[in-house]
Amino acid sequence: MDAQPASAALTCFLVEDNAVIRENLVATLEEMVDLRVLGHAVDERGALSWMSADHPGCDLLIIDIFLAQGTGLNVLRAAGERMPAAHRVVLSNYATPDMRQRCLALGAHKVFDKSAELEDLLAYCGGLADAATRSAHS
């Protein structure tokens, strides 16, 4: 009989169209943070479809802005309506000051630059996982 692994503190859904970035990000997050990636979407329609499905949702959404089709901005806006309890994080190569403000106005909790702020993203996710673990044990 196999022992079931302990469930992760956080569950995450990833909206990212670049397969290499997505695979590396999933591997890094799951190795470095007490987190499990439930799935991913490569475009706006796939993300909106997942958010509309009948399931428990997730604790964290990581959303790229420029997708294969559609935009992460629309995903971000919909996430605020459909999954208000989830932490919404934007991870983009286009994290300019204007884009950061736009994302925050649409409900992002944090915006990270893919090329310069991956350590910051990992630290943020680690903090969320630690907080979830503490609240589960109190």
C-alpha atoms as a PDB file:
ATOM      1  CA  MET A   1       0.000   0.000   0.000  1.00  0.00           C
ATOM      2  CA  ASP A   2       1.449   3.358  -1.050  1.00  0.00           C
ATOM      3  CA  ALA A   3       1.516   6.235   1.392  1.00  0.00           C
ATOM      4  CA  GLN A   4      -0.258   9.301   0.141  1.00  0.00           C
ATOM      5  CA  PRO A   5       2.002  12.360  -0.029  1.00  0.00           C
ATOM      6  CA  ALA A   6       0.990  15.205   2.257  1.00  0.00           C
ATOM      7  CA  SER A   7      -1.100  17.702   0.352  1.00  0.00           C
ATOM      8  CA  ALA A   8       0.632  20.920  -0.597  1.00  0.00           C
ATOM      9  CA  ALA A   9      -0.101  24.070   1.346  1.00  0.00           C
ATOM     10  CA  LEU A  10      -0.982  25.938  -1.857  1.00  0.00           C
ATOM     11  CA  THR A  11      -2.633  25.023  -5.122  1.00  0.00           C
ATOM     12  CA  CYS A  12      -1.808  27.003  -8.243  1.00  0.00           C
ATOM     13  CA  PHE A  13      -3.124  27.409 -11.775  1.00  0.00           C
ATOM     14  CA  LEU A  14      -0.724  28.782 -14.387  1.00  0.00           C
ATOM     15  CA  VAL A  15      -1.647  30.836 -17.463  1.00  0.00           C
ATOM     16  CA  GLU A  16       1.461  30.760 -19.656  1.00  0.00           C
ATOM     17  CA  ASP A  17       1.783  29.991 -23.375  1.00  0.00           C
ATOM     18  CA  ASN A  18       5.535  29.362 -23.555  1.00  0.00           C
ATOM     19  CA  ALA A  19       6.050  25.634 -22.899  1.00  0.00           C
ATOM     20  CA  VAL A  20       9.702  25.954 -21.793  1.00  0.00           C
ATOM     21  CA  ILE A  21       8.937  28.744 -19.325  1.00  0.00           C
ATOM     22  CA  ARG A  22       5.844  26.902 -18.081  1.00  0.00           C
ATOM     23  CA  GLU A  23       7.646  23.596 -17.520  1.00  0.00           C
ATOM     24  CA  ASN A  24      10.611  25.257 -15.790  1.00  0.00           C
ATOM     25  CA  LEU A  25       8.322  27.376 -13.641  1.00  0.00           C
ATOM     26  CA  VAL A  26       6.207  24.390 -12.567  1.00  0.00           C
ATOM     27  CA  ALA A  27       9.310  22.353 -11.699  1.00  0.00           C
ATOM     28  CA  THR A  28      10.887  25.235  -9.753  1.00  0.00           C
ATOM     29  CA  LEU A  29       7.728  26.172  -7.877  1.00  0.00           C
ATOM     30  CA  GLU A  30       6.919  22.593  -6.893  1.00  0.00           C
ATOM     31  CA  GLU A  31      10.523  21.969  -5.782  1.00  0.00           C
ATOM     32  CA  MET A  32      11.126  25.232  -3.900  1.00  0.00           C
ATOM     33  CA  VAL A  33       7.673  26.003  -2.489  1.00  0.00           C
ATOM     34  CA  ASP A  34       5.045  23.884  -0.708  1.00  0.00           C
ATOM     35  CA  LEU A  35       2.829  24.198  -3.780  1.00  0.00           C
ATOM     36  CA  ARG A  36       1.119  21.977  -6.335  1.00  0.00           C
ATOM     37  CA  VAL A  37       0.297  23.196  -9.841  1.00  0.00           C
ATOM     38  CA  LEU A  38      -3.182  21.909 -10.715  1.00  0.00           C
ATOM     39  CA  GLY A  39      -2.984  22.723 -14.405  1.00  0.00           C
ATOM     40  CA  HIS A  40      -2.349  25.387 -16.988  1.00  0.00           C
ATOM     41  CA  ALA A  41      -3.850  27.268 -19.898  1.00  0.00           C
ATOM     42  CA  VAL A  42      -2.018  28.699 -22.909  1.00  0.00           C
ATOM     43  CA  ASP A  43      -4.657  31.229 -23.925  1.00  0.00           C
ATOM     44  CA  GLU A  44      -7.418  33.415 -22.575  1.00  0.00           C
ATOM     45  CA  ARG A  45     -10.224  31.045 -23.536  1.00  0.00           C
ATOM     46  CA  GLY A  46      -8.589  28.071 -21.819  1.00  0.00           C
ATOM     47  CA  ALA A  47      -8.047  30.074 -18.635  1.00  0.00           C
ATOM     48  CA  LEU A  48     -11.610  31.415 -18.584  1.00  0.00           C
ATOM     49  CA  SER A  49     -12.949  27.914 -19.237  1.00  0.00           C
ATOM     50  CA  TRP A  50     -10.947  26.510 -16.307  1.00  0.00           C
ATOM     51  CA  MET A  51     -12.158  29.305 -14.015  1.00  0.00           C
ATOM     52  CA  SER A  52     -15.767  28.556 -15.008  1.00  0.00           C
ATOM     53  CA  ALA A  53     -15.516  24.805 -14.430  1.00  0.00           C
ATOM     54  CA  ASP A  54     -17.027  23.143 -11.386  1.00  0.00           C
ATOM     55  CA  HIS A  55     -14.048  22.498  -9.092  1.00  0.00           C
ATOM     56  CA  PRO A  56     -12.694  23.857  -5.813  1.00  0.00           C
ATOM     57  CA  GLY A  57     -10.517  26.425  -7.590  1.00  0.00           C
ATOM     58  CA  CYS A  58      -7.022  27.274  -6.428  1.00  0.00           C
ATOM     59  CA  ASP A  59      -5.142  29.448  -3.976  1.00  0.00           C
ATOM     60  CA  LEU A  60      -2.910  31.155  -6.525  1.00  0.00           C
ATOM     61  CA  LEU A  61      -3.201  32.165 -10.171  1.00  0.00           C
ATOM     62  CA  ILE A  62      -0.004  33.064 -12.028  1.00  0.00           C
ATOM     63  CA  ILE A  63      -0.892  34.880 -15.240  1.00  0.00           C
ATOM     64  CA  ASP A  64       1.224  35.993 -18.200  1.00  0.00           C
ATOM     65  CA  ILE A  65      -0.034  39.080 -20.035  1.00  0.00           C
ATOM     66  CA  PHE A  66       0.712  38.156 -23.642  1.00  0.00           C
ATOM     67  CA  LEU A  67      -0.807  34.777 -24.518  1.00  0.00           C
ATOM     68  CA  ALA A  68      -1.102  32.624 -27.637  1.00  0.00           C
ATOM     69  CA  GLN A  69      -4.632  34.042 -28.064  1.00  0.00           C
ATOM     70  CA  GLY A  70      -6.320  36.707 -26.012  1.00  0.00           C
ATOM     71  CA  THR A  71      -4.721  38.555 -23.146  1.00  0.00           C
ATOM     72  CA  GLY A  72      -3.838  37.912 -19.542  1.00  0.00           C
ATOM     73  CA  LEU A  73      -5.444  41.252 -18.674  1.00  0.00           C
ATOM     74  CA  ASN A  74      -8.871  39.801 -19.452  1.00  0.00           C
ATOM     75  CA  VAL A  75      -7.976  36.661 -17.465  1.00  0.00           C
ATOM     76  CA  LEU A  76      -6.947  38.854 -14.544  1.00  0.00           C
ATOM     77  CA  ARG A  77     -10.188  40.832 -14.678  1.00  0.00           C
ATOM     78  CA  ALA A  78     -12.287  37.632 -14.821  1.00  0.00           C
ATOM     79  CA  ALA A  79     -10.276  36.042 -11.996  1.00  0.00           C
ATOM     80  CA  GLY A  80     -11.253  38.871  -9.679  1.00  0.00           C
ATOM     81  CA  GLU A  81     -14.914  38.119 -10.365  1.00  0.00           C
ATOM     82  CA  ARG A  82     -14.838  34.309 -10.564  1.00  0.00           C
ATOM     83  CA  MET A  83     -12.122  33.474  -8.018  1.00  0.00           C
ATOM     84  CA  PRO A  84     -11.970  36.424  -5.632  1.00  0.00           C
ATOM     85  CA  ALA A  85     -10.268  34.420  -2.855  1.00  0.00           C
ATOM     86  CA  ALA A  86      -7.327  33.387  -5.067  1.00  0.00           C
ATOM     87  CA  HIS A  87      -4.098  35.359  -4.986  1.00  0.00           C
ATOM     88  CA  ARG A  88      -3.593  36.800  -8.453  1.00  0.00           C
ATOM     89  CA  VAL A  89      -0.012  37.275  -9.646  1.00  0.00           C
ATOM     90  CA  VAL A  90       1.166  38.547 -13.030  1.00  0.00           C
ATOM     91  CA  LEU A  91       4.464  37.204 -14.374  1.00  0.00           C
ATOM     92  CA  SER A  92       5.472  38.969 -17.580  1.00  0.00           C
ATOM     93  CA  ASN A  93       8.397  40.136 -19.678  1.00  0.00           C
ATOM     94  CA  TYR A  94       6.500  43.428 -19.992  1.00  0.00           C
ATOM     95  CA  ALA A  95       6.372  44.506 -16.354  1.00  0.00           C
ATOM     96  CA  THR A  96       6.793  48.191 -17.169  1.00  0.00           C
ATOM     97  CA  PRO A  97       5.615  50.752 -14.606  1.00  0.00           C
ATOM     98  CA  ASP A  98       2.482  51.439 -16.701  1.00  0.00           C
ATOM     99  CA  MET A  99       1.695  47.726 -17.100  1.00  0.00           C
ATOM    100  CA  ARG A 100       2.248  47.117 -13.380  1.00  0.00           C
ATOM    101  CA  GLN A 101      -0.260  49.867 -12.539  1.00  0.00           C
ATOM    102  CA  ARG A 102      -2.763  48.482 -15.039  1.00  0.00           C
ATOM    103  CA  CYS A 103      -2.466  44.962 -13.604  1.00  0.00           C
ATOM    104  CA  LEU A 104      -2.823  46.185 -10.019  1.00  0.00           C
ATOM    105  CA  ALA A 105      -5.900  48.186 -11.046  1.00  0.00           C
ATOM    106  CA  LEU A 106      -7.380  44.977 -12.522  1.00  0.00           C
ATOM    107  CA  GLY A 107      -6.898  43.102  -9.258  1.00  0.00           C
ATOM    108  CA  ALA A 108      -3.368  41.683  -9.343  1.00  0.00           C
ATOM    109  CA  HIS A 109      -1.874  41.295  -5.889  1.00  0.00           C
ATOM    110  CA  LYS A 110       1.675  41.390  -7.294  1.00  0.00           C
ATOM    111  CA  VAL A 111       3.419  41.850 -10.646  1.00  0.00           C
ATOM    112  CA  PHE A 112       6.787  40.219 -11.358  1.00  0.00           C
ATOM    113  CA  ASP A 113       9.184  40.593 -14.296  1.00  0.00           C
ATOM    114  CA  LYS A 114      10.077  37.184 -15.778  1.00  0.00           C
ATOM    115  CA  SER A 115      13.620  38.208 -16.593  1.00  0.00           C
ATOM    116  CA  ALA A 116      14.551  39.910 -13.310  1.00  0.00           C
ATOM    117  CA  GLU A 117      12.181  38.953 -10.493  1.00  0.00           C
ATOM    118  CA  LEU A 118      11.810  35.138 -10.418  1.00  0.00           C
ATOM    119  CA  GLU A 119      13.476  34.971  -6.983  1.00  0.00           C
ATOM    120  CA  ASP A 120      10.947  37.549  -5.762  1.00  0.00           C
ATOM    121  CA  LEU A 121       8.096  35.424  -7.164  1.00  0.00           C
ATOM    122  CA  LEU A 122       9.438  32.337  -5.372  1.00  0.00           C
ATOM    123  CA  ALA A 123       9.768  34.285  -2.121  1.00  0.00           C
ATOM    124  CA  TYR A 124       6.203  35.611  -2.480  1.00  0.00           C
ATOM    125  CA  CYS A 125       4.812  32.122  -3.165  1.00  0.00           C
ATOM    126  CA  GLY A 126       6.835  30.730  -0.257  1.00  0.00           C
ATOM    127  CA  GLY A 127       5.316  33.349   2.026  1.00  0.00           C
ATOM    128  CA  LEU A 128       1.817  32.407   0.891  1.00  0.00           C
ATOM    129  CA  ALA A 129       2.542  28.712   1.468  1.00  0.00           C
ATOM    130  CA  ASP A 130       3.976  29.426   4.945  1.00  0.00           C
ATOM    131  CA  ALA A 131       0.903  31.493   5.854  1.00  0.00           C
ATOM    132  CA  ALA A 132      -1.404  28.723   4.592  1.00  0.00           C
ATOM    133  CA  THR A 133       0.487  26.127   6.639  1.00  0.00           C
ATOM    134  CA  ARG A 134       0.332  28.285   9.783  1.00  0.00           C
ATOM    135  CA  SER A 135      -3.405  28.885   9.407  1.00  0.00           C
ATOM    136  CA  ALA A 136      -4.022  25.165   8.820  1.00  0.00           C
ATOM    137  CA  HIS A 137      -2.248  24.326  12.080  1.00  0.00           C
ATOM    138  CA  SER A 138      -3.898  26.976  14.235  1.00  0.00           C
END
